[in-house]
Amino acid sequence: MSRPARTSVQGLPRHGQIILCLLRETGKNQKWLAAQCGVTDGMINHVITGYALPSLPVAFKLASALSSTVDYIFGN
């Protein structure tokens, strides 16, 4: 059984909030983002929730897929 989509970004790290907001703006989902980055949707979920950070190549793919920059998504 799948969980309902998260409706709030509260409690997420800043980069997770940004990724979810960018996904919503484009009408895309985590599964789509995972396919664009060549990783599993579980890995994308771990990045969003702060349990893992992507490698640098994956971070660049993620930013590109979201039409953003690594600095904007992961910068302080």
N, C-alpha and C. Protein backbone atom coordinates (compact mmCIF):
# COMPACT_ATOMS: atom_id res chain seq x y z
N MET A 1 0.84 -1.17 0.00
CA MET A 1 0.00 0.00 0.00
C MET A 1 0.89 1.24 0.00
N SER A 2 0.61 2.20 -0.86
CA SER A 2 1.42 3.41 -0.92
C SER A 2 0.91 4.45 0.05
N ARG A 3 1.83 5.27 0.50
CA ARG A 3 1.47 6.34 1.42
C ARG A 3 0.93 7.52 0.63
N PRO A 4 0.07 8.33 1.25
CA PRO A 4 -0.40 9.52 0.56
C PRO A 4 0.75 10.51 0.37
N ALA A 5 0.65 11.32 -0.65
CA ALA A 5 1.69 12.31 -0.92
C ALA A 5 1.77 13.30 0.23
N ARG A 6 2.98 13.70 0.53
CA ARG A 6 3.19 14.69 1.59
C ARG A 6 2.60 16.02 1.12
N THR A 7 1.80 16.63 1.97
CA THR A 7 1.18 17.89 1.60
C THR A 7 1.87 19.08 2.24
N SER A 8 2.73 18.83 3.22
CA SER A 8 3.42 19.90 3.91
C SER A 8 4.92 19.68 3.81
N VAL A 9 5.64 20.77 3.78
CA VAL A 9 7.09 20.66 3.74
C VAL A 9 7.69 20.92 5.12
N GLN A 10 6.84 21.14 6.11
CA GLN A 10 7.32 21.37 7.47
C GLN A 10 8.11 20.17 7.95
N GLY A 11 9.18 20.42 8.66
CA GLY A 11 9.99 19.36 9.22
C GLY A 11 11.03 18.80 8.27
N LEU A 12 10.99 19.21 7.02
CA LEU A 12 11.98 18.74 6.05
C LEU A 12 13.19 19.69 6.06
N PRO A 13 14.36 19.17 5.69
CA PRO A 13 15.50 20.08 5.54
C PRO A 13 15.22 21.06 4.40
N ARG A 14 15.94 22.17 4.41
CA ARG A 14 15.71 23.22 3.42
C ARG A 14 15.76 22.68 1.99
N HIS A 15 16.76 21.85 1.69
CA HIS A 15 16.88 21.35 0.32
C HIS A 15 15.69 20.44 -0.04
N GLY A 16 15.17 19.71 0.93
CA GLY A 16 14.00 18.87 0.68
C GLY A 16 12.77 19.71 0.37
N GLN A 17 12.62 20.81 1.10
CA GLN A 17 11.51 21.72 0.85
C GLN A 17 11.60 22.31 -0.55
N ILE A 18 12.80 22.70 -0.93
CA ILE A 18 13.00 23.29 -2.25
C ILE A 18 12.70 22.28 -3.35
N ILE A 19 13.20 21.06 -3.20
CA ILE A 19 12.96 20.03 -4.22
C ILE A 19 11.46 19.77 -4.38
N LEU A 20 10.76 19.61 -3.26
CA LEU A 20 9.32 19.36 -3.35
C LEU A 20 8.58 20.53 -3.99
N CYS A 21 8.96 21.75 -3.64
CA CYS A 21 8.31 22.92 -4.24
C CYS A 21 8.57 22.99 -5.75
N LEU A 22 9.81 22.70 -6.16
CA LEU A 22 10.12 22.71 -7.59
C LEU A 22 9.37 21.61 -8.32
N LEU A 23 9.23 20.45 -7.70
CA LEU A 23 8.45 19.37 -8.31
C LEU A 23 7.00 19.79 -8.49
N ARG A 24 6.43 20.40 -7.46
CA ARG A 24 5.03 20.84 -7.54
C ARG A 24 4.84 21.88 -8.64
N GLU A 25 5.78 22.82 -8.72
CA GLU A 25 5.68 23.88 -9.74
C GLU A 25 5.67 23.31 -11.15
N THR A 26 6.39 22.22 -11.36
CA THR A 26 6.48 21.63 -12.70
C THR A 26 5.46 20.53 -12.92
N GLY A 27 4.74 20.15 -11.87
CA GLY A 27 3.74 19.09 -12.00
C GLY A 27 4.37 17.70 -12.11
N LYS A 28 5.59 17.58 -11.66
CA LYS A 28 6.31 16.30 -11.72
C LYS A 28 6.29 15.63 -10.35
N ASN A 29 6.74 14.37 -10.30
CA ASN A 29 6.78 13.66 -9.02
C ASN A 29 8.17 13.07 -8.78
N GLN A 30 8.33 12.46 -7.61
CA GLN A 30 9.63 11.92 -7.23
C GLN A 30 10.07 10.78 -8.15
N LYS A 31 9.13 10.01 -8.63
CA LYS A 31 9.46 8.90 -9.53
C LYS A 31 10.05 9.45 -10.84
N TRP A 32 9.46 10.51 -11.36
CA TRP A 32 9.97 11.16 -12.57
C TRP A 32 11.39 11.69 -12.32
N LEU A 33 11.58 12.35 -11.18
CA LEU A 33 12.88 12.92 -10.85
C LEU A 33 13.93 11.82 -10.73
N ALA A 34 13.56 10.71 -10.11
CA ALA A 34 14.49 9.59 -9.98
C ALA A 34 14.93 9.08 -11.35
N ALA A 35 13.98 8.96 -12.26
CA ALA A 35 14.31 8.48 -13.61
C ALA A 35 15.25 9.47 -14.32
N GLN A 36 15.04 10.75 -14.13
CA GLN A 36 15.89 11.76 -14.75
C GLN A 36 17.31 11.71 -14.20
N CYS A 37 17.43 11.34 -12.93
CA CYS A 37 18.73 11.32 -12.26
C CYS A 37 19.43 9.97 -12.31
N GLY A 38 18.71 8.93 -12.75
CA GLY A 38 19.30 7.60 -12.82
C GLY A 38 19.46 6.94 -11.47
N VAL A 39 18.57 7.29 -10.53
CA VAL A 39 18.58 6.69 -9.19
C VAL A 39 17.18 6.15 -8.89
N THR A 40 17.03 5.49 -7.76
CA THR A 40 15.72 4.97 -7.37
C THR A 40 14.87 6.08 -6.77
N ASP A 41 13.56 5.88 -6.79
CA ASP A 41 12.69 6.87 -6.15
C ASP A 41 12.91 6.87 -4.64
N GLY A 42 13.36 5.75 -4.08
CA GLY A 42 13.69 5.70 -2.66
C GLY A 42 14.87 6.61 -2.33
N MET A 43 15.85 6.67 -3.24
CA MET A 43 16.99 7.56 -3.02
C MET A 43 16.54 9.01 -3.04
N ILE A 44 15.67 9.35 -3.96
CA ILE A 44 15.15 10.72 -4.02
C ILE A 44 14.41 11.05 -2.72
N ASN A 45 13.64 10.10 -2.22
CA ASN A 45 12.94 10.30 -0.96
C ASN A 45 13.93 10.52 0.18
N HIS A 46 15.01 9.76 0.20
CA HIS A 46 16.03 9.92 1.24
C HIS A 46 16.70 11.29 1.15
N VAL A 47 16.92 11.77 -0.06
CA VAL A 47 17.51 13.10 -0.23
C VAL A 47 16.54 14.16 0.30
N ILE A 48 15.28 14.06 -0.07
CA ILE A 48 14.28 15.03 0.35
C ILE A 48 14.12 15.06 1.86
N THR A 49 14.11 13.90 2.48
CA THR A 49 13.91 13.84 3.94
C THR A 49 15.18 14.07 4.74
N GLY A 50 16.33 14.13 4.06
CA GLY A 50 17.58 14.42 4.74
C GLY A 50 18.32 13.19 5.25
N TYR A 51 17.88 12.00 4.89
CA TYR A 51 18.58 10.79 5.31
C TYR A 51 19.82 10.52 4.47
N ALA A 52 19.92 11.14 3.31
CA ALA A 52 21.07 10.94 2.44
C ALA A 52 21.28 12.20 1.61
N LEU A 53 22.50 12.38 1.17
CA LEU A 53 22.81 13.44 0.23
C LEU A 53 23.26 12.78 -1.07
N PRO A 54 22.90 13.37 -2.19
CA PRO A 54 23.30 12.77 -3.47
C PRO A 54 24.77 13.00 -3.75
N SER A 55 25.33 12.15 -4.60
CA SER A 55 26.69 12.40 -5.07
C SER A 55 26.65 13.68 -5.90
N LEU A 56 27.80 14.24 -6.15
CA LEU A 56 27.86 15.49 -6.93
C LEU A 56 27.26 15.32 -8.33
N PRO A 57 27.58 14.25 -9.07
CA PRO A 57 26.96 14.09 -10.39
C PRO A 57 25.42 13.99 -10.31
N VAL A 58 24.91 13.29 -9.32
CA VAL A 58 23.46 13.17 -9.16
C VAL A 58 22.86 14.51 -8.76
N ALA A 59 23.55 15.26 -7.92
CA ALA A 59 23.07 16.58 -7.52
C ALA A 59 22.93 17.50 -8.74
N PHE A 60 23.90 17.43 -9.66
CA PHE A 60 23.83 18.25 -10.87
C PHE A 60 22.68 17.79 -11.78
N LYS A 61 22.47 16.48 -11.89
CA LYS A 61 21.35 15.97 -12.68
C LYS A 61 20.02 16.40 -12.07
N LEU A 62 19.94 16.33 -10.75
CA LEU A 62 18.72 16.73 -10.05
C LEU A 62 18.41 18.21 -10.30
N ALA A 63 19.42 19.04 -10.15
CA ALA A 63 19.23 20.47 -10.39
C ALA A 63 18.84 20.75 -11.83
N SER A 64 19.49 20.08 -12.76
CA SER A 64 19.16 20.27 -14.17
C SER A 64 17.73 19.84 -14.48
N ALA A 65 17.33 18.70 -13.95
CA ALA A 65 15.97 18.20 -14.19
C ALA A 65 14.92 19.17 -13.64
N LEU A 66 15.27 19.88 -12.57
CA LEU A 66 14.33 20.82 -11.96
C LEU A 66 14.55 22.25 -12.46
N SER A 67 15.37 22.40 -13.49
CA SER A 67 15.70 23.72 -14.06
C SER A 67 16.16 24.69 -12.98
N SER A 68 17.08 24.21 -12.18
CA SER A 68 17.60 24.99 -11.07
C SER A 68 19.11 24.81 -11.00
N THR A 69 19.70 25.20 -9.88
CA THR A 69 21.14 25.04 -9.69
C THR A 69 21.40 24.27 -8.40
N VAL A 70 22.55 23.62 -8.34
CA VAL A 70 22.95 22.91 -7.13
C VAL A 70 23.06 23.89 -5.96
N ASP A 71 23.61 25.05 -6.24
CA ASP A 71 23.77 26.06 -5.19
C ASP A 71 22.43 26.48 -4.61
N TYR A 72 21.43 26.68 -5.46
CA TYR A 72 20.11 27.08 -4.97
C TYR A 72 19.48 25.97 -4.13
N ILE A 73 19.58 24.74 -4.59
CA ILE A 73 18.92 23.64 -3.89
C ILE A 73 19.66 23.25 -2.62
N PHE A 74 20.98 23.11 -2.69
CA PHE A 74 21.74 22.59 -1.56
C PHE A 74 22.57 23.64 -0.82
N GLY A 75 22.62 24.86 -1.34
CA GLY A 75 23.41 25.91 -0.69
C GLY A 75 22.78 26.35 0.62
N ASN A 76 23.57 27.02 1.42
CA ASN A 76 23.07 27.50 2.72
C ASN A 76 22.38 28.78 2.52
